[in-house]
Amino acid sequence: MLLCIDIGNTNTVLATFEEGKVVHSWRVRTYAQATADELSLMFRGLLAGDNVEITGVAACSTVPAALRSLRSMLGRYYRGIPAVVVEPGTRTGVPLAIDNPKEVGADRVVNTLAAYTLYGGPAVVVDFGTSTNFDVVSAKGEFLGGVLAPGIEISVEALAARAAQLVKVELVKPPRVIGKNTVECLQSGVVYGFSGQVDAIVRAIIGELGEVTEVVATGGLAPVVLSECATVTRHEPMLTLLGLQLVYARNVATGEGAGGGRAAR
């Protein structure tokens, strides 16, 4: 099976694929300082629990320290298994129509590839993670840039840290817009505030782009606000991992990314 790994700032998401379909999936907390050995113990524990045999690995990360440990882990524990780590220079098939292609996160490139492959373009990907990323895909599948906004969870944490009488709350939709207590007030602000932000930004993108065929939501926090987002047309929680599968197929099929956990370049 192909193991796809997306190491984000807050969570690490893994899935195995067989014949293009998700077979297993896991979500764990990201520990940026985890060593290669610690990563191996965690991944092997998850895989062993479902008796999974890995035949290839595709990965991306927005956390430099974790990316280094991931490379070491692949080289030590998955030697001989074809591996592709998405980075500047990896063959993705996504033209980067931005000022500095080297500064764009690998997850945004992979999301663009997956969205365009699944739904065509022009499209917008809204990735609800540590930050809320809006990735704009052209009609030709180009990454045109986008918008970065503070994420839901870190915004709530910052509010709780800076306001003496406010606390962290469960991120769920409240029973009403007008909160009757502090918890409901905060939940209302999160759900309706962030869904309003998404709709405003997407409409501004459409106004500038001219048209959009699909607005695709992904990321672990998408379900928190999805029901109130009028502009979102699709929800694909596995979008990044599906994109990693596509990148792996492109690189391994051309003979790149194979052997000893080396990244394709």
Protein backbone atom coordinates (compact mmCIF):
# COMPACT_ATOMS: atom_id res chain seq x y z
CA MET A 1 0.00 0.00 0.00
CA LEU A 2 1.02 3.61 -0.54
CA LEU A 3 1.42 5.60 2.68
CA CYS A 4 0.73 9.34 2.33
CA ILE A 5 1.83 11.69 5.14
CA ASP A 6 0.91 15.35 5.62
CA ILE A 7 2.79 16.89 8.55
CA GLY A 8 1.19 20.21 9.45
CA ASN A 9 1.95 22.71 12.19
CA THR A 10 -0.74 21.30 14.49
CA ASN A 11 -1.69 17.85 13.23
CA THR A 12 -0.16 15.08 11.17
CA VAL A 13 -2.58 13.23 8.88
CA LEU A 14 -1.76 9.85 7.35
CA ALA A 15 -3.62 7.55 4.99
CA THR A 16 -2.92 4.40 3.03
CA PHE A 17 -4.09 3.98 -0.55
CA GLU A 18 -4.72 0.89 -2.61
CA GLU A 19 -5.79 1.19 -6.24
CA GLY A 20 -6.45 4.88 -5.72
CA LYS A 21 -8.78 4.44 -2.75
CA VAL A 22 -8.25 5.30 0.92
CA VAL A 23 -7.96 2.14 3.01
CA HIS A 24 -6.82 3.47 6.42
CA SER A 25 -6.47 6.97 7.85
CA TRP A 26 -5.12 8.49 11.07
CA ARG A 27 -4.79 11.97 12.60
CA VAL A 28 -2.23 12.63 15.35
CA ARG A 29 -0.72 15.67 17.02
CA THR A 30 2.42 17.08 15.38
CA TYR A 31 5.50 17.25 17.58
CA ALA A 32 7.91 19.44 15.66
CA GLN A 33 10.94 18.28 17.66
CA ALA A 34 10.23 14.57 17.30
CA THR A 35 13.31 12.62 16.21
CA ALA A 36 13.44 10.18 13.31
CA ASP A 37 13.27 7.29 15.76
CA GLU A 38 10.23 8.77 17.51
CA LEU A 39 8.47 9.28 14.19
CA SER A 40 9.21 5.71 13.22
CA LEU A 41 7.80 4.37 16.48
CA MET A 42 4.59 6.36 16.02
CA PHE A 43 4.08 5.49 12.35
CA ARG A 44 4.97 1.84 12.78
CA GLY A 45 2.62 1.59 15.74
CA LEU A 46 -0.28 2.97 13.70
CA LEU A 47 0.49 0.74 10.73
CA ALA A 48 0.97 -2.38 12.84
CA GLY A 49 -2.40 -1.87 14.49
CA ASP A 50 -4.07 -2.34 11.10
CA ASN A 51 -1.55 -4.88 9.78
CA VAL A 52 -0.49 -2.60 6.91
CA GLU A 53 2.41 -3.42 4.59
CA ILE A 54 3.87 -0.33 2.91
CA THR A 55 5.13 -0.41 -0.70
CA GLY A 56 5.68 3.35 -1.15
CA VAL A 57 5.63 6.67 0.71
CA ALA A 58 4.57 10.18 -0.34
CA ALA A 59 4.90 13.07 2.11
CA CYS A 60 4.86 16.81 2.54
CA SER A 61 5.37 19.11 5.51
CA THR A 62 5.18 22.78 6.41
CA VAL A 63 7.36 22.19 9.50
CA PRO A 64 11.10 22.31 8.66
CA ALA A 65 12.26 20.44 11.78
CA ALA A 66 9.72 17.68 11.24
CA LEU A 67 10.68 17.48 7.57
CA ARG A 68 14.32 16.79 8.51
CA SER A 69 13.29 14.04 10.90
CA LEU A 70 10.98 12.59 8.28
CA ARG A 71 13.80 12.37 5.75
CA SER A 72 16.03 10.63 8.29
CA MET A 73 13.27 8.22 9.21
CA LEU A 74 12.61 7.28 5.58
CA GLY A 75 16.31 6.72 4.94
CA ARG A 76 16.78 4.56 8.03
CA TYR A 77 13.55 2.60 8.41
CA TYR A 78 12.07 2.55 4.90
CA ARG A 79 15.25 2.07 2.89
CA GLY A 80 14.52 0.47 -0.47
CA ILE A 81 10.89 1.59 -0.53
CA PRO A 82 10.10 4.26 -3.19
CA ALA A 83 9.55 7.60 -1.47
CA VAL A 84 8.64 11.08 -2.65
CA VAL A 85 8.89 14.13 -0.39
CA VAL A 86 7.29 17.19 -1.99
CA GLU A 87 9.59 20.21 -2.04
CA PRO A 88 10.72 22.89 -4.53
CA GLY A 89 11.81 21.02 -7.63
CA THR A 90 9.55 17.99 -7.16
CA ARG A 91 7.56 17.11 -10.27
CA THR A 92 3.94 17.98 -9.46
CA GLY A 93 2.65 19.22 -12.80
CA VAL A 94 1.39 22.41 -11.12
CA PRO A 95 2.68 25.67 -12.69
CA LEU A 96 3.31 28.24 -9.94
CA ALA A 97 2.16 31.62 -11.25
CA ILE A 98 3.42 33.63 -8.26
CA ASP A 99 6.31 35.98 -7.49
CA ASN A 100 8.51 33.46 -5.66
CA PRO A 101 7.62 29.80 -6.30
CA LYS A 102 10.11 28.58 -3.66
CA GLU A 103 8.19 30.18 -0.81
CA VAL A 104 4.84 28.45 -1.38
CA GLY A 105 4.02 25.62 1.02
CA ALA A 106 4.09 22.10 -0.40
CA ASP A 107 0.60 21.43 0.97
CA ARG A 108 -0.83 24.29 -1.09
CA VAL A 109 0.74 22.95 -4.28
CA VAL A 110 -0.55 19.46 -3.54
CA ASN A 111 -4.04 20.80 -2.77
CA THR A 112 -4.03 22.65 -6.09
CA LEU A 113 -3.14 19.47 -7.96
CA ALA A 114 -5.82 17.42 -6.22
CA ALA A 115 -8.56 20.04 -6.65
CA TYR A 116 -7.80 20.53 -10.34
CA THR A 117 -7.60 16.79 -11.00
CA LEU A 118 -10.88 16.08 -9.21
CA TYR A 119 -12.96 19.12 -10.11
CA GLY A 120 -11.18 21.16 -12.78
CA GLY A 121 -10.79 24.92 -12.61
CA PRO A 122 -10.98 27.76 -11.92
CA ALA A 123 -11.38 26.70 -8.32
CA VAL A 124 -10.65 27.79 -4.76
CA VAL A 125 -9.38 25.48 -2.02
CA VAL A 126 -10.12 26.56 1.56
CA ASP A 127 -7.86 24.61 3.92
CA PHE A 128 -8.89 24.95 7.58
CA GLY A 129 -5.71 24.26 9.53
CA THR A 130 -3.40 26.20 11.83
CA SER A 131 -3.96 29.00 9.35
CA THR A 132 -6.93 29.20 6.99
CA ASN A 133 -5.46 29.01 3.50
CA PHE A 134 -7.29 30.08 0.36
CA ASP A 135 -5.57 28.59 -2.69
CA VAL A 136 -6.65 29.80 -6.12
CA VAL A 137 -6.49 27.39 -9.06
CA SER A 138 -6.69 28.63 -12.65
CA ALA A 139 -8.64 27.07 -15.50
CA LYS A 140 -5.32 25.53 -16.63
CA GLY A 141 -4.47 24.07 -13.23
CA GLU A 142 -1.99 26.81 -12.25
CA PHE A 143 -1.52 27.88 -8.65
CA LEU A 144 -2.32 31.60 -8.82
CA GLY A 145 -1.67 32.45 -5.17
CA GLY A 146 -4.30 33.13 -2.57
CA VAL A 147 -5.00 34.36 0.94
CA LEU A 148 -3.64 33.36 4.37
CA ALA A 149 -5.70 34.12 7.48
CA PRO A 150 -5.33 33.18 11.16
CA GLY A 151 -6.79 29.75 11.81
CA ILE A 152 -9.80 28.99 13.97
CA GLU A 153 -8.04 27.18 16.81
CA ILE A 154 -5.13 29.59 17.23
CA SER A 155 -7.55 32.54 17.16
CA VAL A 156 -9.60 31.02 19.98
CA GLU A 157 -6.45 30.22 21.96
CA ALA A 158 -5.16 33.77 21.54
CA LEU A 159 -8.47 35.22 22.69
CA ALA A 160 -8.55 33.00 25.77
CA ALA A 161 -4.93 33.91 26.59
CA ARG A 162 -5.43 37.66 26.29
CA ALA A 163 -8.90 38.09 27.81
CA ALA A 164 -9.08 37.36 31.55
CA GLN A 165 -12.75 36.31 31.64
CA LEU A 166 -12.76 34.25 28.44
CA VAL A 167 -11.85 30.59 28.20
CA LYS A 168 -11.21 28.02 25.49
CA VAL A 169 -14.44 26.41 24.37
CA GLU A 170 -15.48 23.35 22.41
CA LEU A 171 -15.49 24.23 18.71
CA VAL A 172 -19.10 23.39 17.83
CA LYS A 173 -22.07 25.28 16.46
CA PRO A 174 -24.07 26.93 19.29
CA PRO A 175 -27.87 26.51 19.57
CA ARG A 176 -28.45 30.14 18.53
CA VAL A 177 -26.57 33.11 17.08
CA ILE A 178 -27.25 35.31 20.10
CA GLY A 179 -25.37 33.56 22.87
CA LYS A 180 -26.97 33.37 26.31
CA ASN A 181 -23.69 32.69 28.13
CA THR A 182 -19.98 33.14 27.58
CA VAL A 183 -19.47 29.74 25.98
CA GLU A 184 -22.31 30.25 23.48
CA CYS A 185 -21.09 33.76 22.69
CA LEU A 186 -17.61 32.49 21.88
CA GLN A 187 -18.93 29.58 19.84
CA SER A 188 -21.17 31.92 17.88
CA GLY A 189 -18.25 34.21 17.16
CA VAL A 190 -16.20 31.28 15.90
CA VAL A 191 -18.84 29.65 13.70
CA TYR A 192 -20.48 32.72 12.24
CA GLY A 193 -17.39 34.91 12.31
CA PHE A 194 -15.16 32.48 10.42
CA SER A 195 -17.87 31.33 8.01
CA GLY A 196 -18.52 34.99 7.21
CA GLN A 197 -14.79 35.51 6.66
CA VAL A 198 -14.67 32.56 4.27
CA ASP A 199 -17.64 33.77 2.25
CA ALA A 200 -16.32 37.34 2.07
CA ILE A 201 -12.87 36.25 0.89
CA VAL A 202 -14.21 33.71 -1.62
CA ARG A 203 -16.58 36.31 -3.09
CA ALA A 204 -13.72 38.79 -3.37
CA ILE A 205 -11.61 36.16 -5.16
CA ILE A 206 -14.47 35.43 -7.55
CA GLY A 207 -14.87 39.14 -8.18
CA GLU A 208 -11.21 39.36 -9.15
CA LEU A 209 -10.97 36.04 -11.00
CA GLY A 210 -14.26 36.31 -12.84
CA GLU A 211 -15.62 32.83 -12.18
CA VAL A 212 -15.06 29.72 -10.10
CA THR A 213 -16.39 26.24 -10.81
CA GLU A 214 -15.85 24.82 -7.33
CA VAL A 215 -14.93 25.98 -3.82
CA VAL A 216 -13.43 22.99 -2.01
CA ALA A 217 -13.12 22.85 1.77
CA THR A 218 -10.55 20.63 3.47
CA GLY A 219 -8.60 20.49 6.72
CA GLY A 220 -9.39 19.22 10.19
CA LEU A 221 -11.40 22.26 11.30
CA ALA A 222 -13.61 22.53 8.22
CA PRO A 223 -16.62 20.81 9.88
CA VAL A 224 -16.73 23.54 12.54
CA VAL A 225 -17.98 26.19 10.10
CA LEU A 226 -18.90 24.29 6.95
CA SER A 227 -22.66 24.30 7.54
CA GLU A 228 -22.67 28.11 7.54
CA CYS A 229 -20.37 28.68 4.55
CA ALA A 230 -22.63 29.67 1.66
CA THR A 231 -19.84 29.71 -0.92
CA VAL A 232 -18.33 26.26 -0.29
CA THR A 233 -19.53 23.71 -2.86
CA ARG A 234 -17.41 20.66 -1.94
CA HIS A 235 -15.94 19.10 1.19
CA GLU A 236 -12.99 16.74 0.69
CA PRO A 237 -11.23 16.03 4.00
CA MET A 238 -8.54 13.91 2.28
CA LEU A 239 -7.66 16.48 -0.41
CA THR A 240 -3.97 16.87 0.53
CA LEU A 241 -3.42 13.12 0.81
CA LEU A 242 -5.16 12.54 -2.52
CA GLY A 243 -2.79 15.10 -4.02
CA LEU A 244 0.22 13.32 -2.52
CA GLN A 245 -0.96 10.11 -4.17
CA LEU A 246 -1.01 11.93 -7.54
CA VAL A 247 2.49 13.36 -7.01
CA TYR A 248 3.82 9.93 -6.08
CA ALA A 249 2.37 8.37 -9.24
CA ARG A 250 3.89 11.10 -11.38
CA ASN A 251 7.37 10.76 -9.89
CA VAL A 252 7.66 7.04 -9.37
CA ALA A 253 6.26 6.32 -12.83
CA THR A 254 9.10 8.42 -14.31
CA GLY A 255 11.71 6.70 -12.14
CA GLU A 256 12.10 9.51 -9.63
CA GLY A 257 11.68 9.33 -5.88
CA ALA A 258 12.78 5.72 -5.55
CA GLY A 259 15.12 4.18 -3.05
CA GLY A 260 16.26 4.92 0.47
CA GLY A 261 13.65 7.54 1.26
CA ARG A 262 15.31 10.16 -0.93
CA ALA A 263 13.16 13.07 -2.02
CA ALA A 264 12.43 13.58 -5.67
CA ARG A 265 13.96 16.75 -7.04
